[in-house]
Amino acid sequence: TVMLSYPLANFLSMQSQIAAHIATIIVAALIKISYVVRCVCQ
């Protein structure tokens, strides 16, 4: 999503760029949740 949001943004439509930026935020939150679950399990 970061690659789509920044270096490849010229090849995407505006709607796709917006979706990529929103997906970056959502995926970052999912990484954080996964890490917390991992810490609790450990």
PDB file of all heavy atoms in Angstrom:
ATOM      1  N   THR A   1       0.824  -1.219   0.000  1.00  0.00           N
ATOM      2  CA  THR A   1       0.000   0.000   0.000  1.00  0.00           C
ATOM      3  C   THR A   1       0.854   1.264   0.000  1.00  0.00           C
ATOM      4  O   THR A   1       0.473   2.258  -0.626  1.00  0.00           O
ATOM      5  CB  THR A   1      -0.976   0.024   1.195  1.00  0.00           C
ATOM      6  OG1 THR A   1      -0.240  -0.055   2.419  1.00  0.00           O
ATOM      7  CG2 THR A   1      -1.981  -1.097   1.109  1.00  0.00           C
ATOM      8  N   VAL A   2       2.001   1.228   0.673  1.00  0.00           N
ATOM      9  CA  VAL A   2       2.894   2.391   0.652  1.00  0.00           C
ATOM     10  C   VAL A   2       3.456   2.587  -0.755  1.00  0.00           C
ATOM     11  O   VAL A   2       3.550   3.719  -1.252  1.00  0.00           O
ATOM     12  CB  VAL A   2       4.013   2.258   1.699  1.00  0.00           C
ATOM     13  CG1 VAL A   2       5.100   3.288   1.493  1.00  0.00           C
ATOM     14  CG2 VAL A   2       3.434   2.376   3.096  1.00  0.00           C
ATOM     15  N   MET A   3       3.828   1.492  -1.404  1.00  0.00           N
ATOM     16  CA  MET A   3       4.332   1.593  -2.780  1.00  0.00           C
ATOM     17  C   MET A   3       3.260   2.169  -3.705  1.00  0.00           C
ATOM     18  O   MET A   3       3.557   2.996  -4.574  1.00  0.00           O
ATOM     19  CB  MET A   3       4.784   0.220  -3.290  1.00  0.00           C
ATOM     20  CG  MET A   3       6.020  -0.313  -2.604  1.00  0.00           C
ATOM     21  SD  MET A   3       7.486   0.651  -2.963  1.00  0.00           S
ATOM     22  CE  MET A   3       7.732   0.243  -4.675  1.00  0.00           C
ATOM     23  N   LEU A   4       2.021   1.737  -3.518  1.00  0.00           N
ATOM     24  CA  LEU A   4       0.942   2.265  -4.354  1.00  0.00           C
ATOM     25  C   LEU A   4       0.641   3.720  -4.020  1.00  0.00           C
ATOM     26  O   LEU A   4       0.283   4.501  -4.905  1.00  0.00           O
ATOM     27  CB  LEU A   4      -0.328   1.426  -4.167  1.00  0.00           C
ATOM     28  CG  LEU A   4      -0.307   0.027  -4.760  1.00  0.00           C
ATOM     29  CD1 LEU A   4      -1.559  -0.735  -4.359  1.00  0.00           C
ATOM     30  CD2 LEU A   4      -0.174   0.079  -6.267  1.00  0.00           C
ATOM     31  N   SER A   5       0.786   4.084  -2.761  1.00  0.00           N
ATOM     32  CA  SER A   5       0.440   5.440  -2.343  1.00  0.00           C
ATOM     33  C   SER A   5       1.446   6.485  -2.804  1.00  0.00           C
ATOM     34  O   SER A   5       1.081   7.625  -3.072  1.00  0.00           O
ATOM     35  CB  SER A   5       0.339   5.516  -0.817  1.00  0.00           C
ATOM     36  OG  SER A   5      -0.723   4.721  -0.362  1.00  0.00           O
ATOM     37  N   TYR A   6       2.723   6.124  -2.861  1.00  0.00           N
ATOM     38  CA  TYR A   6       3.739   7.144  -3.135  1.00  0.00           C
ATOM     39  C   TYR A   6       4.491   6.939  -4.450  1.00  0.00           C
ATOM     40  O   TYR A   6       4.278   7.703  -5.384  1.00  0.00           O
ATOM     41  CB  TYR A   6       4.676   7.273  -1.931  1.00  0.00           C
ATOM     42  CG  TYR A   6       3.911   7.737  -0.713  1.00  0.00           C
ATOM     43  CD1 TYR A   6       3.564   6.856   0.295  1.00  0.00           C
ATOM     44  CD2 TYR A   6       3.493   9.053  -0.596  1.00  0.00           C
ATOM     45  CE1 TYR A   6       2.833   7.278   1.399  1.00  0.00           C
ATOM     46  CE2 TYR A   6       2.756   9.492   0.490  1.00  0.00           C
ATOM     47  CZ  TYR A   6       2.435   8.593   1.487  1.00  0.00           C
ATOM     48  OH  TYR A   6       1.708   9.013   2.558  1.00  0.00           O
ATOM     49  N   PRO A   7       5.364   5.944  -4.597  1.00  0.00           N
ATOM     50  CA  PRO A   7       6.141   5.888  -5.844  1.00  0.00           C
ATOM     51  C   PRO A   7       5.316   5.557  -7.088  1.00  0.00           C
ATOM     52  O   PRO A   7       5.643   6.001  -8.178  1.00  0.00           O
ATOM     53  CB  PRO A   7       7.180   4.793  -5.599  1.00  0.00           C
ATOM     54  CG  PRO A   7       7.026   4.341  -4.208  1.00  0.00           C
ATOM     55  CD  PRO A   7       5.809   4.954  -3.639  1.00  0.00           C
ATOM     56  N   LEU A   8       4.240   4.799  -6.928  1.00  0.00           N
ATOM     57  CA  LEU A   8       3.443   4.404  -8.085  1.00  0.00           C
ATOM     58  C   LEU A   8       2.163   5.223  -8.241  1.00  0.00           C
ATOM     59  O   LEU A   8       1.292   4.873  -9.032  1.00  0.00           O
ATOM     60  CB  LEU A   8       3.093   2.913  -7.983  1.00  0.00           C
ATOM     61  CG  LEU A   8       4.289   1.958  -7.916  1.00  0.00           C
ATOM     62  CD1 LEU A   8       3.827   0.534  -7.713  1.00  0.00           C
ATOM     63  CD2 LEU A   8       5.145   2.077  -9.166  1.00  0.00           C
ATOM     64  N   ALA A   9       2.049   6.296  -7.499  1.00  0.00           N
ATOM     65  CA  ALA A   9       0.817   7.093  -7.506  1.00  0.00           C
ATOM     66  C   ALA A   9       0.510   7.693  -8.875  1.00  0.00           C
ATOM     67  O   ALA A   9      -0.658   7.873  -9.226  1.00  0.00           O
ATOM     68  CB  ALA A   9       0.906   8.200  -6.461  1.00  0.00           C
ATOM     69  N   ASN A  10       1.532   7.963  -9.661  1.00  0.00           N
ATOM     70  CA  ASN A  10       1.308   8.565 -10.991  1.00  0.00           C
ATOM     71  C   ASN A  10       0.570   7.631 -11.934  1.00  0.00           C
ATOM     72  O   ASN A  10      -0.031   8.083 -12.902  1.00  0.00           O
ATOM     73  CB  ASN A  10       2.641   8.968 -11.620  1.00  0.00           C
ATOM     74  CG  ASN A  10       3.305  10.090 -10.864  1.00  0.00           C
ATOM     75  OD1 ASN A  10       2.640  10.869 -10.202  1.00  0.00           O
ATOM     76  ND2 ASN A  10       4.616  10.152 -10.963  1.00  0.00           N
ATOM     77  N   PHE A  11       0.620   6.336 -11.660  1.00  0.00           N
ATOM     78  CA  PHE A  11      -0.019   5.360 -12.537  1.00  0.00           C
ATOM     79  C   PHE A  11      -1.444   5.024 -12.108  1.00  0.00           C
ATOM     80  O   PHE A  11      -2.108   4.229 -12.773  1.00  0.00           O
ATOM     81  CB  PHE A  11       0.812   4.072 -12.578  1.00  0.00           C
ATOM     82  CG  PHE A  11       2.216   4.302 -13.050  1.00  0.00           C
ATOM     83  CD1 PHE A  11       3.268   4.266 -12.156  1.00  0.00           C
ATOM     84  CD2 PHE A  11       2.486   4.575 -14.385  1.00  0.00           C
ATOM     85  CE1 PHE A  11       4.572   4.480 -12.582  1.00  0.00           C
ATOM     86  CE2 PHE A  11       3.776   4.800 -14.817  1.00  0.00           C
ATOM     87  CZ  PHE A  11       4.818   4.753 -13.914  1.00  0.00           C
ATOM     88  N   LEU A  12      -1.908   5.607 -11.008  1.00  0.00           N
ATOM     89  CA  LEU A  12      -3.227   5.287 -10.465  1.00  0.00           C
ATOM     90  C   LEU A  12      -4.171   6.472 -10.606  1.00  0.00           C
ATOM     91  O   LEU A  12      -3.748   7.624 -10.637  1.00  0.00           O
ATOM     92  CB  LEU A  12      -3.111   4.917  -8.979  1.00  0.00           C
ATOM     93  CG  LEU A  12      -2.224   3.731  -8.632  1.00  0.00           C
ATOM     94  CD1 LEU A  12      -2.112   3.583  -7.124  1.00  0.00           C
ATOM     95  CD2 LEU A  12      -2.753   2.460  -9.246  1.00  0.00           C
ATOM     96  N   SER A  13      -5.459   6.150 -10.645  1.00  0.00           N
ATOM     97  CA  SER A  13      -6.465   7.220 -10.645  1.00  0.00           C
ATOM     98  C   SER A  13      -6.540   7.832  -9.256  1.00  0.00           C
ATOM     99  O   SER A  13      -6.012   7.281  -8.282  1.00  0.00           O
ATOM    100  CB  SER A  13      -7.830   6.649 -11.038  1.00  0.00           C
ATOM    101  OG  SER A  13      -8.279   5.755 -10.031  1.00  0.00           O
ATOM    102  N   MET A  14      -7.213   8.967  -9.161  1.00  0.00           N
ATOM    103  CA  MET A  14      -7.346   9.641  -7.869  1.00  0.00           C
ATOM    104  C   MET A  14      -8.081   8.755  -6.859  1.00  0.00           C
ATOM    105  O   MET A  14      -7.699   8.685  -5.686  1.00  0.00           O
ATOM    106  CB  MET A  14      -8.076  10.976  -8.042  1.00  0.00           C
ATOM    107  CG  MET A  14      -8.181  11.781  -6.771  1.00  0.00           C
ATOM    108  SD  MET A  14      -6.580  12.180  -6.024  1.00  0.00           S
ATOM    109  CE  MET A  14      -5.992  13.405  -7.153  1.00  0.00           C
ATOM    110  N   GLN A  15      -9.114   8.047  -7.306  1.00  0.00           N
ATOM    111  CA  GLN A  15      -9.863   7.162  -6.413  1.00  0.00           C
ATOM    112  C   GLN A  15      -8.978   6.028  -5.898  1.00  0.00           C
ATOM    113  O   GLN A  15      -9.051   5.660  -4.717  1.00  0.00           O
ATOM    114  CB  GLN A  15     -11.096   6.580  -7.120  1.00  0.00           C
ATOM    115  CG  GLN A  15     -12.167   7.592  -7.435  1.00  0.00           C
ATOM    116  CD  GLN A  15     -11.911   8.336  -8.738  1.00  0.00           C
ATOM    117  OE1 GLN A  15     -10.955   8.064  -9.455  1.00  0.00           O
ATOM    118  NE2 GLN A  15     -12.768   9.309  -9.030  1.00  0.00           N
ATOM    119  N   SER A  16      -8.141   5.500  -6.762  1.00  0.00           N
ATOM    120  CA  SER A  16      -7.238   4.428  -6.349  1.00  0.00           C
ATOM    121  C   SER A  16      -6.188   4.937  -5.369  1.00  0.00           C
ATOM    122  O   SER A  16      -5.820   4.240  -4.418  1.00  0.00           O
ATOM    123  CB  SER A  16      -6.538   3.815  -7.564  1.00  0.00           C
ATOM    124  OG  SER A  16      -7.473   3.231  -8.425  1.00  0.00           O
ATOM    125  N   GLN A  17      -5.720   6.152  -5.582  1.00  0.00           N
ATOM    126  CA  GLN A  17      -4.756   6.743  -4.649  1.00  0.00           C
ATOM    127  C   GLN A  17      -5.377   6.952  -3.273  1.00  0.00           C
ATOM    128  O   GLN A  17      -4.747   6.668  -2.245  1.00  0.00           O
ATOM    129  CB  GLN A  17      -4.245   8.078  -5.190  1.00  0.00           C
ATOM    130  CG  GLN A  17      -3.335   7.946  -6.373  1.00  0.00           C
ATOM    131  CD  GLN A  17      -2.862   9.300  -6.856  1.00  0.00           C
ATOM    132  OE1 GLN A  17      -2.649  10.209  -6.064  1.00  0.00           O
ATOM    133  NE2 GLN A  17      -2.697   9.436  -8.169  1.00  0.00           N
ATOM    134  N   ILE A  18      -6.602   7.427  -3.248  1.00  0.00           N
ATOM    135  CA  ILE A  18      -7.303   7.620  -1.974  1.00  0.00           C
ATOM    136  C   ILE A  18      -7.489   6.283  -1.272  1.00  0.00           C
ATOM    137  O   ILE A  18      -7.250   6.161  -0.061  1.00  0.00           O
ATOM    138  CB  ILE A  18      -8.655   8.334  -2.206  1.00  0.00           C
ATOM    139  CG1 ILE A  18      -8.420   9.773  -2.663  1.00  0.00           C
ATOM    140  CG2 ILE A  18      -9.519   8.302  -0.949  1.00  0.00           C
ATOM    141  CD1 ILE A  18      -9.657  10.477  -3.167  1.00  0.00           C
ATOM    142  N   ALA A  19      -7.894   5.278  -2.023  1.00  0.00           N
ATOM    143  CA  ALA A  19      -8.076   3.942  -1.447  1.00  0.00           C
ATOM    144  C   ALA A  19      -6.762   3.387  -0.906  1.00  0.00           C
ATOM    145  O   ALA A  19      -6.735   2.765   0.166  1.00  0.00           O
ATOM    146  CB  ALA A  19      -8.661   2.999  -2.493  1.00  0.00           C
ATOM    147  N   ALA A  20      -5.672   3.625  -1.618  1.00  0.00           N
ATOM    148  CA  ALA A  20      -4.368   3.149  -1.162  1.00  0.00           C
ATOM    149  C   ALA A  20      -3.940   3.844   0.125  1.00  0.00           C
ATOM    150  O   ALA A  20      -3.399   3.201   1.039  1.00  0.00           O
ATOM    151  CB  ALA A  20      -3.319   3.367  -2.255  1.00  0.00           C
ATOM    152  N   HIS A  21      -4.196   5.136   0.234  1.00  0.00           N
ATOM    153  CA  HIS A  21      -3.855   5.875   1.452  1.00  0.00           C
ATOM    154  C   HIS A  21      -4.700   5.393   2.639  1.00  0.00           C
ATOM    155  O   HIS A  21      -4.184   5.218   3.743  1.00  0.00           O
ATOM    156  CB  HIS A  21      -4.037   7.378   1.251  1.00  0.00           C
ATOM    157  CG  HIS A  21      -2.907   8.021   0.525  1.00  0.00           C
ATOM    158  ND1 HIS A  21      -1.756   8.429   1.153  1.00  0.00           N
ATOM    159  CD2 HIS A  21      -2.738   8.324  -0.783  1.00  0.00           C
ATOM    160  CE1 HIS A  21      -0.932   8.958   0.263  1.00  0.00           C
ATOM    161  NE2 HIS A  21      -1.511   8.906  -0.922  1.00  0.00           N
ATOM    162  N   ILE A  22      -5.982   5.185   2.403  1.00  0.00           N
ATOM    163  CA  ILE A  22      -6.856   4.685   3.474  1.00  0.00           C
ATOM    164  C   ILE A  22      -6.437   3.275   3.869  1.00  0.00           C
ATOM    165  O   ILE A  22      -6.385   2.943   5.060  1.00  0.00           O
ATOM    166  CB  ILE A  22      -8.327   4.740   3.023  1.00  0.00           C
ATOM    167  CG1 ILE A  22      -8.780   6.191   2.896  1.00  0.00           C
ATOM    168  CG2 ILE A  22      -9.221   3.976   3.999  1.00  0.00           C
ATOM    169  CD1 ILE A  22     -10.133   6.368   2.252  1.00  0.00           C
ATOM    170  N   ALA A  23      -6.098   2.446   2.886  1.00  0.00           N
ATOM    171  CA  ALA A  23      -5.659   1.074   3.181  1.00  0.00           C
ATOM    172  C   ALA A  23      -4.369   1.074   3.982  1.00  0.00           C
ATOM    173  O   ALA A  23      -4.179   0.218   4.861  1.00  0.00           O
ATOM    174  CB  ALA A  23      -5.484   0.298   1.881  1.00  0.00           C
ATOM    175  N   THR A  24      -3.493   2.025   3.732  1.00  0.00           N
ATOM    176  CA  THR A  24      -2.244   2.127   4.495  1.00  0.00           C
ATOM    177  C   THR A  24      -2.541   2.349   5.979  1.00  0.00           C
ATOM    178  O   THR A  24      -1.940   1.705   6.843  1.00  0.00           O
ATOM    179  CB  THR A  24      -1.369   3.272   3.953  1.00  0.00           C
ATOM    180  OG1 THR A  24      -1.076   3.022   2.576  1.00  0.00           O
ATOM    181  CG2 THR A  24      -0.080   3.406   4.727  1.00  0.00           C
ATOM    182  N   ILE A  25      -3.476   3.224   6.266  1.00  0.00           N
ATOM    183  CA  ILE A  25      -3.838   3.500   7.655  1.00  0.00           C
ATOM    184  C   ILE A  25      -4.472   2.279   8.310  1.00  0.00           C
ATOM    185  O   ILE A  25      -4.137   1.916   9.444  1.00  0.00           O
ATOM    186  CB  ILE A  25      -4.787   4.719   7.728  1.00  0.00           C
ATOM    187  CG1 ILE A  25      -4.069   5.971   7.239  1.00  0.00           C
ATOM    188  CG2 ILE A  25      -5.334   4.907   9.140  1.00  0.00           C
ATOM    189  CD1 ILE A  25      -4.978   7.145   6.990  1.00  0.00           C
ATOM    190  N   ILE A  26      -5.373   1.616   7.601  1.00  0.00           N
ATOM    191  CA  ILE A  26      -6.058   0.447   8.152  1.00  0.00           C
ATOM    192  C   ILE A  26      -5.081  -0.699   8.390  1.00  0.00           C
ATOM    193  O   ILE A  26      -5.108  -1.353   9.441  1.00  0.00           O
ATOM    194  CB  ILE A  26      -7.210   0.017   7.222  1.00  0.00           C
ATOM    195  CG1 ILE A  26      -8.305   1.096   7.237  1.00  0.00           C
ATOM    196  CG2 ILE A  26      -7.779  -1.341   7.628  1.00  0.00           C
ATOM    197  CD1 ILE A  26      -9.377   0.903   6.197  1.00  0.00           C
ATOM    198  N   VAL A  27      -4.210  -0.955   7.428  1.00  0.00           N
ATOM    199  CA  VAL A  27      -3.246  -2.045   7.570  1.00  0.00           C
ATOM    200  C   VAL A  27      -2.266  -1.755   8.701  1.00  0.00           C
ATOM    201  O   VAL A  27      -1.881  -2.664   9.445  1.00  0.00           O
ATOM    202  CB  VAL A  27      -2.524  -2.313   6.227  1.00  0.00           C
ATOM    203  CG1 VAL A  27      -1.401  -3.303   6.396  1.00  0.00           C
ATOM    204  CG2 VAL A  27      -3.512  -2.827   5.197  1.00  0.00           C
ATOM    205  N   ALA A  28      -1.877  -0.498   8.874  1.00  0.00           N
ATOM    206  CA  ALA A  28      -0.990  -0.141   9.988  1.00  0.00           C
ATOM    207  C   ALA A  28      -1.668  -0.450  11.323  1.00  0.00           C
ATOM    208  O   ALA A  28      -1.028  -0.958  12.255  1.00  0.00           O
ATOM    209  CB  ALA A  28      -0.602   1.328   9.906  1.00  0.00           C
ATOM    210  N   ALA A  29      -2.950  -0.164  11.430  1.00  0.00           N
ATOM    211  CA  ALA A  29      -3.689  -0.480  12.657  1.00  0.00           C
ATOM    212  C   ALA A  29      -3.757  -1.991  12.880  1.00  0.00           C
ATOM    213  O   ALA A  29      -3.618  -2.468  14.012  1.00  0.00           O
ATOM    214  CB  ALA A  29      -5.093   0.106  12.587  1.00  0.00           C
ATOM    215  N   LEU A  30      -3.931  -2.754  11.816  1.00  0.00           N
ATOM    216  CA  LEU A  30      -3.980  -4.215  11.935  1.00  0.00           C
ATOM    217  C   LEU A  30      -2.627  -4.787  12.361  1.00  0.00           C
ATOM    218  O   LEU A  30      -2.578  -5.783  13.100  1.00  0.00           O
ATOM    219  CB  LEU A  30      -4.447  -4.839  10.619  1.00  0.00           C
ATOM    220  CG  LEU A  30      -5.911  -4.569  10.256  1.00  0.00           C
ATOM    221  CD1 LEU A  30      -6.202  -5.069   8.844  1.00  0.00           C
ATOM    222  CD2 LEU A  30      -6.847  -5.191  11.267  1.00  0.00           C
ATOM    223  N   ILE A  31      -1.552  -4.174  11.906  1.00  0.00           N
ATOM    224  CA  ILE A  31      -0.217  -4.599  12.353  1.00  0.00           C
ATOM    225  C   ILE A  31      -0.084  -4.392  13.860  1.00  0.00           C
ATOM    226  O   ILE A  31       0.404  -5.271  14.581  1.00  0.00           O
ATOM    227  CB  ILE A  31       0.890  -3.828  11.603  1.00  0.00           C
ATOM    228  CG1 ILE A  31       0.963  -4.283  10.151  1.00  0.00           C
ATOM    229  CG2 ILE A  31       2.245  -4.016  12.275  1.00  0.00           C
ATOM    230  CD1 ILE A  31       1.884  -3.453   9.283  1.00  0.00           C
ATOM    231  N   LYS A  32      -0.539  -3.253  14.335  1.00  0.00           N
ATOM    232  CA  LYS A  32      -0.446  -2.951  15.765  1.00  0.00           C
ATOM    233  C   LYS A  32      -1.289  -3.917  16.588  1.00  0.00           C
ATOM    234  O   LYS A  32      -0.854  -4.389  17.637  1.00  0.00           O
ATOM    235  CB  LYS A  32      -0.865  -1.504  16.023  1.00  0.00           C
ATOM    236  CG  LYS A  32       0.093  -0.506  15.435  1.00  0.00           C
ATOM    237  CD  LYS A  32      -0.439   0.898  15.530  1.00  0.00           C
ATOM    238  CE  LYS A  32       0.468   1.846  14.764  1.00  0.00           C
ATOM    239  NZ  LYS A  32      -0.018   3.209  14.762  1.00  0.00           N
ATOM    240  N   ILE A  33      -2.493  -4.222  16.126  1.00  0.00           N
ATOM    241  CA  ILE A  33      -3.350  -5.171  16.838  1.00  0.00           C
ATOM    242  C   ILE A  33      -2.712  -6.554  16.863  1.00  0.00           C
ATOM    243  O   ILE A  33      -2.710  -7.234  17.901  1.00  0.00           O
ATOM    244  CB  ILE A  33      -4.752  -5.216  16.196  1.00  0.00           C
ATOM    245  CG1 ILE A  33      -5.476  -3.894  16.434  1.00  0.00           C
ATOM    246  CG2 ILE A  33      -5.574  -6.383  16.737  1.00  0.00           C
ATOM    247  CD1 ILE A  33      -6.740  -3.718  15.634  1.00  0.00           C
ATOM    248  N   SER A  34      -2.151  -6.987  15.747  1.00  0.00           N
ATOM    249  CA  SER A  34      -1.485  -8.295  15.690  1.00  0.00           C
ATOM    250  C   SER A  34      -0.311  -8.352  16.648  1.00  0.00           C
ATOM    251  O   SER A  34      -0.081  -9.374  17.304  1.00  0.00           O
ATOM    252  CB  SER A  34      -0.995  -8.584  14.269  1.00  0.00           C
ATOM    253  OG  SER A  34      -2.058  -8.639  13.373  1.00  0.00           O
ATOM    254  N   TYR A  35       0.418  -7.263  16.754  1.00  0.00           N
ATOM    255  CA  TYR A  35       1.573  -7.231  17.652  1.00  0.00           C
ATOM    256  C   TYR A  35       1.134  -7.317  19.115  1.00  0.00           C
ATOM    257  O   TYR A  35       1.754  -8.012  19.918  1.00  0.00           O
ATOM    258  CB  TYR A  35       2.404  -5.971  17.417  1.00  0.00           C
ATOM    259  CG  TYR A  35       3.652  -5.944  18.257  1.00  0.00           C
ATOM    260  CD1 TYR A  35       4.724  -6.774  17.959  1.00  0.00           C
ATOM    261  CD2 TYR A  35       3.748  -5.122  19.368  1.00  0.00           C
ATOM    262  CE1 TYR A  35       5.865  -6.772  18.737  1.00  0.00           C
ATOM    263  CE2 TYR A  35       4.892  -5.115  20.153  1.00  0.00           C
ATOM    264  CZ  TYR A  35       5.942  -5.941  19.832  1.00  0.00           C
ATOM    265  OH  TYR A  35       7.066  -5.953  20.608  1.00  0.00           O
ATOM    266  N   VAL A  36       0.055  -6.624  19.456  1.00  0.00           N
ATOM    267  CA  VAL A  36      -0.455  -6.685  20.828  1.00  0.00           C
ATOM    268  C   VAL A  36      -0.933  -8.096  21.154  1.00  0.00           C
ATOM    269  O   VAL A  36      -0.650  -8.619  22.239  1.00  0.00           O
ATOM    270  CB  VAL A  36      -1.580  -5.640  21.034  1.00  0.00           C
ATOM    271  CG1 VAL A  36      -2.296  -5.866  22.357  1.00  0.00           C
ATOM    272  CG2 VAL A  36      -1.015  -4.237  20.965  1.00  0.00           C
ATOM    273  N   VAL A  37      -1.637  -8.732  20.232  1.00  0.00           N
ATOM    274  CA  VAL A  37      -2.080 -10.116  20.449  1.00  0.00           C
ATOM    275  C   VAL A  37      -0.875 -11.031  20.622  1.00  0.00           C
ATOM    276  O   VAL A  37      -0.862 -11.905  21.499  1.00  0.00           O
ATOM    277  CB  VAL A  37      -2.977 -10.593  19.280  1.00  0.00           C
ATOM    278  CG1 VAL A  37      -3.250 -12.085  19.365  1.00  0.00           C
ATOM    279  CG2 VAL A  37      -4.279  -9.817  19.261  1.00  0.00           C
ATOM    280  N   ARG A  38       0.155 -10.819  19.836  1.00  0.00           N
ATOM    281  CA  ARG A  38       1.385 -11.612  19.951  1.00  0.00           C
ATOM    282  C   ARG A  38       2.021 -11.436  21.325  1.00  0.00           C
ATOM    283  O   ARG A  38       2.432 -12.404  21.968  1.00  0.00           O
ATOM    284  CB  ARG A  38       2.359 -11.191  18.855  1.00  0.00           C
ATOM    285  CG  ARG A  38       3.668 -11.922  18.859  1.00  0.00           C
ATOM    286  CD  ARG A  38       4.538 -11.386  17.706  1.00  0.00           C
ATOM    287  NE  ARG A  38       5.769 -12.117  17.605  1.00  0.00           N
ATOM    288  CZ  ARG A  38       6.901 -11.751  18.218  1.00  0.00           C
ATOM    289  NH1 ARG A  38       6.930 -10.671  18.962  1.00  0.00           N
ATOM    290  NH2 ARG A  38       7.998 -12.468  18.077  1.00  0.00           N
ATOM    291  N   CYS A  39       2.092 -10.200  21.803  1.00  0.00           N
ATOM    292  CA  CYS A  39       2.678  -9.929  23.121  1.00  0.00           C
ATOM    293  C   CYS A  39       1.872 -10.571  24.241  1.00  0.00           C
ATOM    294  O   CYS A  39       2.434 -11.135  25.179  1.00  0.00           O
ATOM    295  CB  CYS A  39       2.790  -8.428  23.352  1.00  0.00           C
ATOM    296  SG  CYS A  39       4.061  -7.628  22.361  1.00  0.00           S
ATOM    297  N   VAL A  40       0.545 -10.503  24.148  1.00  0.00           N
ATOM    298  CA  VAL A  40      -0.310 -11.115  25.168  1.00  0.00           C
ATOM    299  C   VAL A  40      -0.118 -12.627  25.191  1.00  0.00           C
ATOM    300  O   VAL A  40      -0.003 -13.234  26.264  1.00  0.00           O
ATOM    301  CB  VAL A  40      -1.796 -10.737  24.927  1.00  0.00           C
ATOM    302  CG1 VAL A  40      -2.721 -11.574  25.795  1.00  0.00           C
ATOM    303  CG2 VAL A  40      -2.017  -9.266  25.173  1.00  0.00           C
ATOM    304  N   CYS A  41      -0.040 -13.247  24.027  1.00  0.00           N
ATOM    305  CA  CYS A  41       0.167 -14.694  23.958  1.00  0.00           C
ATOM    306  C   CYS A  41       1.531 -15.077  24.533  1.00  0.00           C
ATOM    307  O   CYS A  41       1.636 -16.067  25.272  1.00  0.00           O
ATOM    308  CB  CYS A  41       0.057 -15.198  22.527  1.00  0.00           C
ATOM    309  SG  CYS A  41      -1.612 -15.134  21.879  1.00  0.00           S
ATOM    310  N   GLN A  42       2.544 -14.326  24.205  1.00  0.00           N
ATOM    311  CA  GLN A  42       3.867 -14.616  24.755  1.00  0.00           C
ATOM    312  C   GLN A  42       3.869 -14.471  26.265  1.00  0.00           C
ATOM    313  O   GLN A  42       4.489 -15.275  26.967  1.00  0.00           O
ATOM    314  CB  GLN A  42       4.919 -13.686  24.141  1.00  0.00           C
ATOM    315  CG  GLN A  42       5.286 -14.037  22.734  1.00  0.00           C
ATOM    316  CD  GLN A  42       6.330 -13.102  22.165  1.00  0.00           C
ATOM    317  OE1 GLN A  42       6.307 -11.903  22.420  1.00  0.00           O
ATOM    318  NE2 GLN A  42       7.246 -13.649  21.397  1.00  0.00           N
TER     319      GLN A  42
END
